[in-house]
Structure formats: structure tokens, C-alpha cells
Amino acid sequence: MVRVKICGITQVDDAKAAARLGADAIGLVFYEKSPRAVTISQAQMMLQALPPFVSSVGLFVNADPAHVEQVLEHCPLDILQFHGDESPEFCRRFGRPYLKVLRVSGETDLRRPVDDYADAQGLLLDCAVPGQWGGSGRSFAWWALPELGKPLILAGGLHADNIREAVRVAQPYGVDVSSGVERSPGSKDHDKMAEFMARLQGL
């Protein structure tokens, strides 16, 4: 069964809806330049609203270590997601499970990053868009992902109309959706989320 993270959650109702519809995880963006950025207090409210067995993922982009530590002091995140140019040493310094994002434009040899980020829980593949760190709504050409002993997560331009084909081609461990289930940046459309999850049933 393909795991699903709904990212860019900014509202408690959206977090509850994502969980109710069967999402395995929600993503909270701690990158102030993002239209989906949340404050620590906003994140706390959403984390408190989550039911058991739904993971919380905190997204950071080239953050200062002190900022990551401040967030972790107040928000019991399950997983960290590093979306910038963070080194393996930076990613592991916080002692938390983490995902490393790779910005790709097509078929990529993933053996090097698997070796470099050997202790990452997984690698998330997102579309490379100059000047943007995710959430662009643009996809790359999917290809059959290799078996490298590391969970590979597909992101970038996913929505209800293409998710079945994306999963069929790439065969990822999981998928990450944000703009594809929104009415506007940071505001999720519950009908779109429901349709997205429904399309994944039976895969």
C-alpha cells in the first residue's frame, strides 16, 4: 500500500480532514518564505489535533540550526524533512528521523544520495524548479524507481487525475501531495483530498 503525506497543512480543520481521509502523515512547513509556512503556535494546535498513528513531518529549507532546535523544543515532530542544500552531517545533528529531498528533472542515478544520506529514513524526489523549494505544482518525467534499500517518496505536481499513473510507473514507497489538493496555497480542499485518497485505493 502506498503511503501518503499531505504537505503544507496550515489549518487545524485541514489536519483533521487529512487524518480522517487516511493520510499517513501531514507536513508542516517551517520556511518563512513559503506561502504555506506556519508558526510554532499554529503547528502546536495542529499537532494536538492529530489522532494516533498519523505522523507529523516538519519541513525546513537551509535553516539555521537554532531555528530547527527552537521548533523541536516546542513541537514534538516525528520526522524532519530537509528540502534545501543540507549536508548529511546537518541532517543528522538533531537526532531525529529525517527525509532528504532531491530536486530532480528526470531520471536520476539515486545510488550516490542513498550512500551520502545513508541514515535518512527515505529520499523524497521533487521537481527541480529554479528559485523554488517545492510546492510548485510541477511534475517531472516519472520513471521506474530502483530498489535501493531505502524508501523513495514521489512528489511534485501530483493530483487526483495523475496519481494512479504516477504510482504505476514509479512504484514509490510513498507519495507527497500539496498544491494538488488545495483551493489556494495552504488552504486544502477536502473534496480534492478525498478524491486523491480514493484514487489510490486498490493500488
N, C-alpha and C. Protein backbone atom coordinates (compact mmCIF):
# COMPACT_ATOMS: atom_id res chain seq x y z
N MET A 1 0.85 -1.19 0.00
CA MET A 1 0.00 0.00 0.00
C MET A 1 0.89 1.25 0.00
N VAL A 2 0.60 2.18 -0.88
CA VAL A 2 1.39 3.40 -0.98
C VAL A 2 1.07 4.33 0.19
N ARG A 3 2.12 4.79 0.85
CA ARG A 3 1.93 5.74 1.95
C ARG A 3 1.71 7.14 1.39
N VAL A 4 0.96 7.96 2.15
CA VAL A 4 0.61 9.29 1.67
C VAL A 4 0.93 10.33 2.73
N LYS A 5 1.64 11.38 2.32
CA LYS A 5 1.82 12.56 3.15
C LYS A 5 1.13 13.73 2.46
N ILE A 6 0.27 14.42 3.18
CA ILE A 6 -0.33 15.66 2.68
C ILE A 6 0.43 16.81 3.32
N CYS A 7 1.11 17.57 2.48
CA CYS A 7 2.04 18.58 2.98
C CYS A 7 1.46 19.98 2.86
N GLY A 8 2.09 20.92 3.57
CA GLY A 8 1.66 22.30 3.52
C GLY A 8 0.37 22.56 4.26
N ILE A 9 0.12 21.78 5.31
CA ILE A 9 -1.08 21.97 6.14
C ILE A 9 -0.88 23.22 7.01
N THR A 10 -1.88 24.09 7.02
CA THR A 10 -1.79 25.32 7.82
C THR A 10 -2.97 25.53 8.76
N GLN A 11 -3.98 24.66 8.65
CA GLN A 11 -5.20 24.85 9.43
C GLN A 11 -5.57 23.55 10.15
N VAL A 12 -6.09 23.70 11.35
CA VAL A 12 -6.46 22.53 12.17
C VAL A 12 -7.49 21.68 11.46
N ASP A 13 -8.49 22.28 10.86
CA ASP A 13 -9.53 21.51 10.17
C ASP A 13 -8.95 20.68 9.03
N ASP A 14 -7.96 21.24 8.35
CA ASP A 14 -7.33 20.50 7.25
C ASP A 14 -6.51 19.32 7.78
N ALA A 15 -5.84 19.52 8.91
CA ALA A 15 -5.08 18.43 9.52
C ALA A 15 -6.02 17.29 9.93
N LYS A 16 -7.13 17.64 10.54
CA LYS A 16 -8.10 16.63 10.95
C LYS A 16 -8.68 15.90 9.74
N ALA A 17 -8.97 16.65 8.68
CA ALA A 17 -9.54 16.04 7.48
C ALA A 17 -8.54 15.09 6.83
N ALA A 18 -7.28 15.49 6.75
CA ALA A 18 -6.26 14.64 6.16
C ALA A 18 -6.17 13.32 6.91
N ALA A 19 -6.19 13.40 8.23
CA ALA A 19 -6.13 12.18 9.05
C ALA A 19 -7.38 11.33 8.85
N ARG A 20 -8.53 11.97 8.83
CA ARG A 20 -9.79 11.24 8.68
C ARG A 20 -9.87 10.52 7.33
N LEU A 21 -9.29 11.12 6.31
CA LEU A 21 -9.34 10.54 4.97
C LEU A 21 -8.29 9.47 4.74
N GLY A 22 -7.40 9.27 5.73
CA GLY A 22 -6.46 8.16 5.64
C GLY A 22 -5.02 8.52 5.35
N ALA A 23 -4.66 9.80 5.41
CA ALA A 23 -3.26 10.17 5.20
C ALA A 23 -2.40 9.57 6.30
N ASP A 24 -1.22 9.11 5.93
CA ASP A 24 -0.29 8.54 6.90
C ASP A 24 0.48 9.62 7.65
N ALA A 25 0.61 10.79 7.02
CA ALA A 25 1.39 11.87 7.63
C ALA A 25 0.90 13.20 7.10
N ILE A 26 1.13 14.25 7.90
CA ILE A 26 0.92 15.61 7.43
C ILE A 26 2.26 16.33 7.48
N GLY A 27 2.42 17.32 6.59
CA GLY A 27 3.64 18.10 6.56
C GLY A 27 3.39 19.53 6.98
N LEU A 28 4.24 20.02 7.88
CA LEU A 28 4.18 21.40 8.38
C LEU A 28 5.43 22.13 7.91
N VAL A 29 5.24 23.27 7.25
CA VAL A 29 6.35 23.99 6.63
C VAL A 29 6.87 25.08 7.56
N PHE A 30 8.14 24.95 7.97
CA PHE A 30 8.79 25.94 8.82
C PHE A 30 9.82 26.72 7.99
N TYR A 31 9.36 27.24 6.88
CA TYR A 31 10.18 28.02 5.96
C TYR A 31 9.40 29.29 5.67
N GLU A 32 9.85 30.40 6.26
CA GLU A 32 9.02 31.61 6.29
C GLU A 32 8.73 32.19 4.91
N LYS A 33 9.52 31.86 3.91
CA LYS A 33 9.27 32.40 2.57
C LYS A 33 8.19 31.62 1.82
N SER A 34 7.75 30.52 2.38
CA SER A 34 6.72 29.72 1.73
C SER A 34 5.34 30.28 2.03
N PRO A 35 4.42 30.26 1.05
CA PRO A 35 3.04 30.67 1.33
C PRO A 35 2.32 29.70 2.25
N ARG A 36 2.94 28.56 2.51
CA ARG A 36 2.35 27.54 3.38
C ARG A 36 3.06 27.48 4.75
N ALA A 37 3.85 28.49 5.05
CA ALA A 37 4.60 28.49 6.31
C ALA A 37 3.68 28.59 7.51
N VAL A 38 4.06 27.93 8.58
CA VAL A 38 3.32 28.01 9.84
C VAL A 38 4.24 28.47 10.96
N THR A 39 3.63 29.07 11.97
CA THR A 39 4.36 29.45 13.17
C THR A 39 4.39 28.26 14.13
N ILE A 40 5.19 28.39 15.14
CA ILE A 40 5.26 27.34 16.15
C ILE A 40 3.90 27.17 16.83
N SER A 41 3.23 28.26 17.13
CA SER A 41 1.93 28.15 17.81
C SER A 41 0.89 27.49 16.91
N GLN A 42 0.90 27.82 15.62
CA GLN A 42 -0.02 27.16 14.68
C GLN A 42 0.27 25.66 14.62
N ALA A 43 1.55 25.32 14.54
CA ALA A 43 1.93 23.91 14.46
C ALA A 43 1.50 23.16 15.71
N GLN A 44 1.65 23.78 16.86
CA GLN A 44 1.24 23.12 18.11
C GLN A 44 -0.23 22.76 18.10
N MET A 45 -1.07 23.67 17.61
CA MET A 45 -2.50 23.40 17.58
C MET A 45 -2.82 22.23 16.65
N MET A 46 -2.14 22.16 15.53
CA MET A 46 -2.40 21.06 14.60
C MET A 46 -1.88 19.73 15.13
N LEU A 47 -0.74 19.76 15.78
CA LEU A 47 -0.20 18.53 16.34
C LEU A 47 -1.11 17.99 17.44
N GLN A 48 -1.67 18.89 18.23
CA GLN A 48 -2.57 18.46 19.30
C GLN A 48 -3.85 17.86 18.75
N ALA A 49 -4.22 18.25 17.53
CA ALA A 49 -5.46 17.76 16.93
C ALA A 49 -5.31 16.43 16.22
N LEU A 50 -4.07 15.99 16.00
CA LEU A 50 -3.86 14.75 15.25
C LEU A 50 -4.23 13.53 16.09
N PRO A 51 -4.87 12.55 15.48
CA PRO A 51 -5.15 11.30 16.18
C PRO A 51 -3.90 10.42 16.21
N PRO A 52 -3.94 9.32 16.95
CA PRO A 52 -2.80 8.41 16.98
C PRO A 52 -2.50 7.83 15.59
N PHE A 53 -1.24 7.49 15.39
CA PHE A 53 -0.77 6.79 14.20
C PHE A 53 -0.74 7.65 12.94
N VAL A 54 -0.87 8.97 13.08
CA VAL A 54 -0.65 9.88 11.96
C VAL A 54 0.63 10.66 12.28
N SER A 55 1.64 10.52 11.43
CA SER A 55 2.93 11.14 11.69
C SER A 55 2.93 12.62 11.33
N SER A 56 3.76 13.37 12.04
CA SER A 56 3.95 14.79 11.73
C SER A 56 5.36 14.98 11.19
N VAL A 57 5.43 15.71 10.08
CA VAL A 57 6.71 15.95 9.41
C VAL A 57 6.95 17.45 9.35
N GLY A 58 8.10 17.90 9.82
CA GLY A 58 8.45 19.32 9.77
C GLY A 58 9.42 19.59 8.65
N LEU A 59 9.06 20.52 7.76
CA LEU A 59 9.86 20.82 6.58
C LEU A 59 10.70 22.07 6.82
N PHE A 60 12.00 21.96 6.51
CA PHE A 60 12.94 23.06 6.67
C PHE A 60 13.74 23.23 5.38
N VAL A 61 14.13 24.47 5.10
CA VAL A 61 14.93 24.78 3.91
C VAL A 61 16.14 25.61 4.34
N ASN A 62 17.31 24.99 4.31
CA ASN A 62 18.56 25.69 4.65
C ASN A 62 18.40 26.51 5.93
N ALA A 63 17.81 25.90 6.92
CA ALA A 63 17.51 26.61 8.17
C ALA A 63 18.75 26.74 9.05
N ASP A 64 18.74 27.76 9.87
CA ASP A 64 19.75 27.88 10.91
C ASP A 64 19.50 26.78 11.93
N PRO A 65 20.53 26.11 12.43
CA PRO A 65 20.32 25.04 13.41
C PRO A 65 19.51 25.49 14.62
N ALA A 66 19.73 26.72 15.04
CA ALA A 66 18.99 27.22 16.21
C ALA A 66 17.50 27.26 15.93
N HIS A 67 17.12 27.55 14.69
CA HIS A 67 15.70 27.58 14.35
C HIS A 67 15.09 26.19 14.42
N VAL A 68 15.79 25.21 13.89
CA VAL A 68 15.30 23.83 13.96
C VAL A 68 15.16 23.40 15.41
N GLU A 69 16.16 23.72 16.22
CA GLU A 69 16.12 23.33 17.62
C GLU A 69 14.99 24.03 18.37
N GLN A 70 14.73 25.29 18.02
CA GLN A 70 13.61 26.01 18.66
C GLN A 70 12.28 25.35 18.33
N VAL A 71 12.10 24.97 17.06
CA VAL A 71 10.87 24.30 16.67
C VAL A 71 10.73 22.98 17.43
N LEU A 72 11.79 22.21 17.49
CA LEU A 72 11.73 20.91 18.16
C LEU A 72 11.48 21.05 19.66
N GLU A 73 11.91 22.15 20.23
CA GLU A 73 11.69 22.37 21.66
C GLU A 73 10.20 22.49 21.97
N HIS A 74 9.44 23.01 21.01
CA HIS A 74 8.02 23.27 21.25
C HIS A 74 7.08 22.34 20.48
N CYS A 75 7.59 21.67 19.45
CA CYS A 75 6.75 20.83 18.60
C CYS A 75 7.33 19.42 18.53
N PRO A 76 6.61 18.42 19.05
CA PRO A 76 7.12 17.04 19.05
C PRO A 76 6.97 16.39 17.67
N LEU A 77 7.72 16.88 16.70
CA LEU A 77 7.66 16.34 15.34
C LEU A 77 8.20 14.93 15.30
N ASP A 78 7.58 14.10 14.47
CA ASP A 78 8.05 12.72 14.32
C ASP A 78 9.23 12.61 13.36
N ILE A 79 9.20 13.41 12.31
CA ILE A 79 10.21 13.32 11.25
C ILE A 79 10.56 14.73 10.79
N LEU A 80 11.83 14.94 10.45
CA LEU A 80 12.27 16.20 9.85
C LEU A 80 12.46 15.98 8.35
N GLN A 81 12.13 16.99 7.57
CA GLN A 81 12.30 16.92 6.12
C GLN A 81 13.14 18.11 5.68
N PHE A 82 14.28 17.81 5.07
CA PHE A 82 15.21 18.87 4.68
C PHE A 82 15.15 19.04 3.17
N HIS A 83 14.72 20.24 2.77
CA HIS A 83 14.38 20.50 1.37
C HIS A 83 15.42 21.35 0.65
N GLY A 84 16.50 21.71 1.33
CA GLY A 84 17.49 22.59 0.73
C GLY A 84 18.79 21.89 0.38
N ASP A 85 19.89 22.58 0.67
CA ASP A 85 21.22 22.05 0.35
C ASP A 85 21.91 21.46 1.57
N GLU A 86 21.13 20.98 2.51
CA GLU A 86 21.68 20.49 3.78
C GLU A 86 22.61 19.29 3.57
N SER A 87 23.71 19.30 4.28
CA SER A 87 24.66 18.18 4.22
C SER A 87 24.14 17.02 5.06
N PRO A 88 24.67 15.82 4.84
CA PRO A 88 24.29 14.70 5.70
C PRO A 88 24.56 14.99 7.18
N GLU A 89 25.66 15.68 7.45
CA GLU A 89 26.01 15.99 8.84
C GLU A 89 24.97 16.90 9.47
N PHE A 90 24.50 17.88 8.70
CA PHE A 90 23.47 18.78 9.22
C PHE A 90 22.19 18.01 9.50
N CYS A 91 21.79 17.16 8.58
CA CYS A 91 20.52 16.45 8.72
C CYS A 91 20.49 15.56 9.95
N ARG A 92 21.62 14.97 10.29
CA ARG A 92 21.63 14.01 11.40
C ARG A 92 21.93 14.64 12.75
N ARG A 93 22.28 15.92 12.77
CA ARG A 93 22.74 16.52 14.02
C ARG A 93 21.63 16.68 15.05
N PHE A 94 20.37 16.59 14.63
CA PHE A 94 19.25 16.82 15.55
C PHE A 94 18.75 15.55 16.21
N GLY A 95 19.32 14.42 15.82
CA GLY A 95 18.97 13.16 16.46
C GLY A 95 17.55 12.71 16.22
N ARG A 96 16.95 13.15 15.10
CA ARG A 96 15.59 12.76 14.75
C ARG A 96 15.58 12.04 13.40
N PRO A 97 14.61 11.16 13.19
CA PRO A 97 14.46 10.58 11.85
C PRO A 97 14.26 11.71 10.83
N TYR A 98 14.85 11.55 9.65
CA TYR A 98 14.71 12.61 8.67
C TYR A 98 14.57 12.07 7.26
N LEU A 99 13.97 12.91 6.41
CA LEU A 99 13.88 12.68 4.97
C LEU A 99 14.73 13.73 4.28
N LYS A 100 15.45 13.34 3.23
CA LYS A 100 16.19 14.31 2.43
C LYS A 100 15.52 14.44 1.08
N VAL A 101 15.26 15.67 0.67
CA VAL A 101 14.61 15.93 -0.60
C VAL A 101 15.66 16.10 -1.70
N LEU A 102 15.42 15.45 -2.82
CA LEU A 102 16.26 15.61 -4.01
C LEU A 102 15.42 16.30 -5.08
N ARG A 103 15.92 17.38 -5.62
CA ARG A 103 15.22 18.11 -6.68
C ARG A 103 15.70 17.58 -8.02
N VAL A 104 14.82 16.93 -8.74
CA VAL A 104 15.21 16.24 -9.97
C VAL A 104 14.40 16.78 -11.15
N SER A 105 14.93 16.56 -12.34
CA SER A 105 14.22 16.98 -13.55
C SER A 105 13.92 15.81 -14.47
N GLY A 106 14.43 14.63 -14.14
CA GLY A 106 14.20 13.45 -14.95
C GLY A 106 14.84 12.26 -14.28
N GLU A 107 15.08 11.23 -15.03
CA GLU A 107 15.66 10.02 -14.45
C GLU A 107 17.03 10.33 -13.87
N THR A 108 17.23 9.91 -12.64
CA THR A 108 18.42 10.26 -11.89
C THR A 108 19.03 9.01 -11.27
N ASP A 109 20.35 8.97 -11.23
CA ASP A 109 21.03 7.88 -10.52
C ASP A 109 20.97 8.19 -9.03
N LEU A 110 20.23 7.39 -8.29
CA LEU A 110 19.99 7.67 -6.88
C LEU A 110 20.98 6.98 -5.95
N ARG A 111 21.94 6.25 -6.52
CA ARG A 111 22.86 5.50 -5.66
C ARG A 111 23.73 6.41 -4.81
N ARG A 112 24.20 7.51 -5.39
CA ARG A 112 25.07 8.44 -4.64
C ARG A 112 24.34 9.05 -3.44
N PRO A 113 23.14 9.65 -3.63
CA PRO A 113 22.47 10.21 -2.45
C PRO A 113 22.08 9.15 -1.43
N VAL A 114 21.76 7.93 -1.87
CA VAL A 114 21.47 6.87 -0.91
C VAL A 114 22.68 6.61 -0.04
N ASP A 115 23.86 6.62 -0.66
CA ASP A 115 25.10 6.43 0.11
C ASP A 115 25.39 7.63 1.01
N ASP A 116 25.22 8.84 0.45
CA ASP A 116 25.53 10.04 1.22
C ASP A 116 24.62 10.21 2.43
N TYR A 117 23.33 9.94 2.22
CA TYR A 117 22.34 10.09 3.29
C TYR A 117 21.90 8.71 3.77
N ALA A 118 22.88 7.91 4.13
CA ALA A 118 22.63 6.50 4.46
C ALA A 118 21.70 6.34 5.66
N ASP A 119 21.71 7.32 6.58
CA ASP A 119 20.88 7.19 7.78
C ASP A 119 19.53 7.89 7.63
N ALA A 120 19.23 8.43 6.45
CA ALA A 120 17.92 9.02 6.23
C ALA A 120 16.85 7.94 6.23
N GLN A 121 15.66 8.28 6.71
CA GLN A 121 14.56 7.31 6.65
C GLN A 121 14.14 7.06 5.22
N GLY A 122 14.29 8.09 4.39
CA GLY A 122 13.91 7.95 2.99
C GLY A 122 14.36 9.16 2.20
N LEU A 123 14.25 9.06 0.87
CA LEU A 123 14.55 10.17 -0.03
C LEU A 123 13.27 10.58 -0.74
N LEU A 124 13.03 11.88 -0.78
CA LEU A 124 11.84 12.41 -1.43
C LEU A 124 12.25 13.10 -2.72
N LEU A 125 11.66 12.68 -3.83
CA LEU A 125 12.01 13.22 -5.15
C LEU A 125 10.99 14.25 -5.55
N ASP A 126 11.44 15.49 -5.77
CA ASP A 126 10.55 16.58 -6.15
C ASP A 126 11.06 17.22 -7.42
N CYS A 127 10.19 17.91 -8.12
CA CYS A 127 10.56 18.54 -9.38
C CYS A 127 11.49 19.73 -9.13
N ALA A 128 12.58 19.78 -9.89
CA ALA A 128 13.52 20.90 -9.78
C ALA A 128 12.96 22.10 -10.53
N VAL A 129 12.63 23.15 -9.80
CA VAL A 129 12.14 24.40 -10.38
C VAL A 129 13.04 25.52 -9.88
N PRO A 130 13.76 26.21 -10.77
CA PRO A 130 14.69 27.26 -10.34
C PRO A 130 14.01 28.29 -9.44
N GLY A 131 14.66 28.55 -8.31
CA GLY A 131 14.15 29.57 -7.40
C GLY A 131 13.05 29.11 -6.47
N GLN A 132 12.65 27.84 -6.57
CA GLN A 132 11.59 27.33 -5.70
C GLN A 132 12.06 26.07 -4.98
N TRP A 133 11.58 25.93 -3.75
CA TRP A 133 11.96 24.77 -2.93
C TRP A 133 10.72 23.93 -2.68
N GLY A 134 10.06 23.49 -3.74
CA GLY A 134 8.89 22.65 -3.59
C GLY A 134 7.61 23.44 -3.65
N GLY A 135 6.47 22.70 -3.72
CA GLY A 135 5.18 23.35 -3.75
C GLY A 135 4.89 24.07 -5.05
N SER A 136 5.62 23.73 -6.11
CA SER A 136 5.45 24.43 -7.39
C SER A 136 4.27 23.93 -8.19
N GLY A 137 3.80 22.72 -7.87
CA GLY A 137 2.73 22.12 -8.66
C GLY A 137 3.20 21.54 -9.97
N ARG A 138 4.50 21.46 -10.16
CA ARG A 138 5.06 20.93 -11.41
C ARG A 138 5.66 19.55 -11.17
N SER A 139 5.48 18.67 -12.15
CA SER A 139 5.99 17.31 -12.04
C SER A 139 7.17 17.11 -12.99
N PHE A 140 7.91 16.04 -12.76
CA PHE A 140 8.97 15.67 -13.68
C PHE A 140 8.57 14.36 -14.36
N ALA A 141 9.35 13.95 -15.33
CA ALA A 141 9.04 12.71 -16.05
C ALA A 141 9.28 11.52 -15.12
N TRP A 142 8.21 10.82 -14.76
CA TRP A 142 8.36 9.68 -13.85
C TRP A 142 9.08 8.54 -14.53
N TRP A 143 9.76 7.76 -13.73
CA TRP A 143 10.41 6.55 -14.24
C TRP A 143 10.35 5.49 -13.15
N ALA A 144 10.63 4.26 -13.52
CA ALA A 144 10.57 3.17 -12.55
C ALA A 144 11.70 3.34 -11.54
N LEU A 145 11.34 3.60 -10.30
CA LEU A 145 12.35 3.83 -9.28
C LEU A 145 13.05 2.53 -8.92
N PRO A 146 14.36 2.58 -8.71
CA PRO A 146 15.10 1.36 -8.39
C PRO A 146 14.88 0.92 -6.95
N GLU A 147 15.19 -0.32 -6.68
CA GLU A 147 15.16 -0.84 -5.31
C GLU A 147 16.56 -0.66 -4.73
N LEU A 148 16.69 0.28 -3.81
CA LEU A 148 17.99 0.63 -3.25
C LEU A 148 18.05 0.44 -1.74
N GLY A 149 17.05 -0.26 -1.20
CA GLY A 149 17.06 -0.48 0.23
C GLY A 149 16.70 0.76 1.04
N LYS A 150 16.10 1.75 0.38
CA LYS A 150 15.73 3.00 1.02
C LYS A 150 14.37 3.43 0.47
N PRO A 151 13.41 3.75 1.34
CA PRO A 151 12.11 4.21 0.84
C PRO A 151 12.26 5.45 -0.04
N LEU A 152 11.64 5.42 -1.21
CA LEU A 152 11.66 6.56 -2.13
C LEU A 152 10.25 7.12 -2.24
N ILE A 153 10.13 8.43 -2.07
CA ILE A 153 8.84 9.10 -2.00
C ILE A 153 8.72 10.06 -3.17
N LEU A 154 7.62 9.97 -3.88
CA LEU A 154 7.40 10.77 -5.08
C LEU A 154 6.60 12.03 -4.75
N ALA A 155 7.05 13.17 -5.27
CA ALA A 155 6.37 14.44 -5.06
C ALA A 155 6.45 15.25 -6.35
N GLY A 156 5.74 16.36 -6.36
CA GLY A 156 5.82 17.28 -7.50
C GLY A 156 4.68 17.14 -8.48
N GLY A 157 3.72 18.05 -8.40
CA GLY A 157 2.64 18.10 -9.38
C GLY A 157 1.67 16.94 -9.33
N LEU A 158 1.56 16.28 -8.21
CA LEU A 158 0.64 15.16 -8.09
C LEU A 158 -0.76 15.66 -7.76
N HIS A 159 -1.77 15.01 -8.34
CA HIS A 159 -3.17 15.32 -8.06
C HIS A 159 -4.01 14.10 -8.43
N ALA A 160 -5.31 14.20 -8.21
CA ALA A 160 -6.18 13.03 -8.38
C ALA A 160 -6.14 12.47 -9.80
N ASP A 161 -5.94 13.33 -10.79
CA ASP A 161 -6.01 12.87 -12.18
C ASP A 161 -4.75 12.17 -12.66
N ASN A 162 -3.63 12.33 -11.94
CA ASN A 162 -2.41 11.67 -12.41
C ASN A 162 -1.78 10.72 -11.39
N ILE A 163 -2.37 10.62 -10.19
CA ILE A 163 -1.69 9.86 -9.14
C ILE A 163 -1.62 8.36 -9.46
N ARG A 164 -2.66 7.80 -10.06
CA ARG A 164 -2.61 6.37 -10.36
C ARG A 164 -1.51 6.06 -11.38
N GLU A 165 -1.39 6.90 -12.40
CA GLU A 165 -0.34 6.69 -13.41
C GLU A 165 1.04 6.89 -12.81
N ALA A 166 1.19 7.91 -11.95
CA ALA A 166 2.48 8.16 -11.32
C ALA A 166 2.93 6.97 -10.49
N VAL A 167 2.01 6.41 -9.73
CA VAL A 167 2.34 5.26 -8.89
C VAL A 167 2.60 4.02 -9.74
N ARG A 168 1.81 3.86 -10.80
CA ARG A 168 2.00 2.70 -11.68
C ARG A 168 3.39 2.71 -12.31
N VAL A 169 3.83 3.88 -12.73
CA VAL A 169 5.14 3.99 -13.40
C VAL A 169 6.28 3.92 -12.40
N ALA A 170 6.22 4.75 -11.37
CA ALA A 170 7.35 4.90 -10.47
C ALA A 170 7.42 3.83 -9.38
N GLN A 171 6.27 3.29 -8.98
CA GLN A 171 6.24 2.29 -7.90
C GLN A 171 6.95 2.80 -6.64
N PRO A 172 6.59 3.99 -6.15
CA PRO A 172 7.27 4.53 -4.98
C PRO A 172 6.79 3.89 -3.69
N TYR A 173 7.56 4.08 -2.64
CA TYR A 173 7.13 3.68 -1.30
C TYR A 173 5.97 4.56 -0.84
N GLY A 174 6.09 5.87 -1.17
CA GLY A 174 5.06 6.80 -0.75
C GLY A 174 4.95 7.97 -1.71
N VAL A 175 3.92 8.78 -1.51
CA VAL A 175 3.72 9.98 -2.32
C VAL A 175 3.48 11.16 -1.38
N ASP A 176 3.83 12.34 -1.89
CA ASP A 176 3.70 13.58 -1.12
C ASP A 176 2.93 14.57 -1.98
N VAL A 177 1.79 15.04 -1.50
CA VAL A 177 0.96 15.96 -2.27
C VAL A 177 0.72 17.24 -1.47
N SER A 178 0.72 18.36 -2.18
CA SER A 178 0.45 19.64 -1.52
C SER A 178 -0.48 20.48 -2.37
N SER A 179 0.06 21.13 -3.41
CA SER A 179 -0.77 22.03 -4.23
C SER A 179 -1.88 21.30 -4.96
N GLY A 180 -1.70 20.01 -5.22
CA GLY A 180 -2.69 19.24 -5.96
C GLY A 180 -3.98 18.99 -5.21
N VAL A 181 -4.01 19.31 -3.90
CA VAL A 181 -5.24 19.14 -3.12
C VAL A 181 -5.63 20.44 -2.43
N GLU A 182 -5.31 21.57 -3.08
CA GLU A 182 -5.57 22.87 -2.48
C GLU A 182 -6.60 23.67 -3.28
N ARG A 183 -7.24 24.61 -2.58
CA ARG A 183 -8.04 25.64 -3.25
C ARG A 183 -7.21 26.91 -3.41
N SER A 184 -6.24 27.09 -2.51
CA SER A 184 -5.25 28.17 -2.59
C SER A 184 -4.07 27.74 -1.72
N PRO A 185 -2.87 28.33 -1.89
CA PRO A 185 -1.71 27.88 -1.13
C PRO A 185 -1.95 27.84 0.37
N GLY A 186 -1.83 26.66 0.94
CA GLY A 186 -2.00 26.49 2.38
C GLY A 186 -3.42 26.17 2.81
N SER A 187 -4.38 26.31 1.91
CA SER A 187 -5.78 26.01 2.23
C SER A 187 -6.21 24.77 1.45
N LYS A 188 -6.40 23.67 2.15
CA LYS A 188 -6.70 22.41 1.47
C LYS A 188 -8.18 22.31 1.10
N ASP A 189 -8.41 21.68 -0.02
CA ASP A 189 -9.76 21.40 -0.49
C ASP A 189 -10.08 19.97 -0.07
N HIS A 190 -11.03 19.82 0.84
CA HIS A 190 -11.30 18.50 1.41
C HIS A 190 -11.84 17.53 0.36
N ASP A 191 -12.59 18.03 -0.61
CA ASP A 191 -13.07 17.16 -1.69
C ASP A 191 -11.91 16.65 -2.54
N LYS A 192 -10.95 17.53 -2.83
CA LYS A 192 -9.78 17.12 -3.60
C LYS A 192 -8.94 16.10 -2.82
N MET A 193 -8.81 16.31 -1.52
CA MET A 193 -8.08 15.34 -0.71
C MET A 193 -8.78 13.98 -0.74
N ALA A 194 -10.10 14.01 -0.61
CA ALA A 194 -10.86 12.75 -0.62
C ALA A 194 -10.72 12.04 -1.96
N GLU A 195 -10.78 12.78 -3.06
CA GLU A 195 -10.64 12.18 -4.38
C GLU A 195 -9.24 11.62 -4.58
N PHE A 196 -8.25 12.34 -4.12
CA PHE A 196 -6.86 11.87 -4.22
C PHE A 196 -6.69 10.54 -3.50
N MET A 197 -7.19 10.47 -2.27
CA MET A 197 -7.06 9.24 -1.49
C MET A 197 -7.87 8.11 -2.13
N ALA A 198 -9.03 8.42 -2.67
CA ALA A 198 -9.87 7.39 -3.31
C ALA A 198 -9.18 6.79 -4.52
N ARG A 199 -8.47 7.61 -5.28
CA ARG A 199 -7.79 7.11 -6.48
C ARG A 199 -6.67 6.14 -6.15
N LEU A 200 -6.15 6.24 -4.92
CA LEU A 200 -5.07 5.35 -4.51
C LEU A 200 -5.55 4.01 -3.99
N GLN A 201 -6.82 3.91 -3.68
CA GLN A 201 -7.35 2.66 -3.15
C GLN A 201 -7.25 1.56 -4.20
N GLY A 202 -6.82 0.42 -3.75
CA GLY A 202 -6.72 -0.72 -4.65
C GLY A 202 -5.42 -0.82 -5.41
N LEU A 203 -4.52 0.17 -5.24
CA LEU A 203 -3.23 0.09 -5.92
C LEU A 203 -2.27 -0.80 -5.15
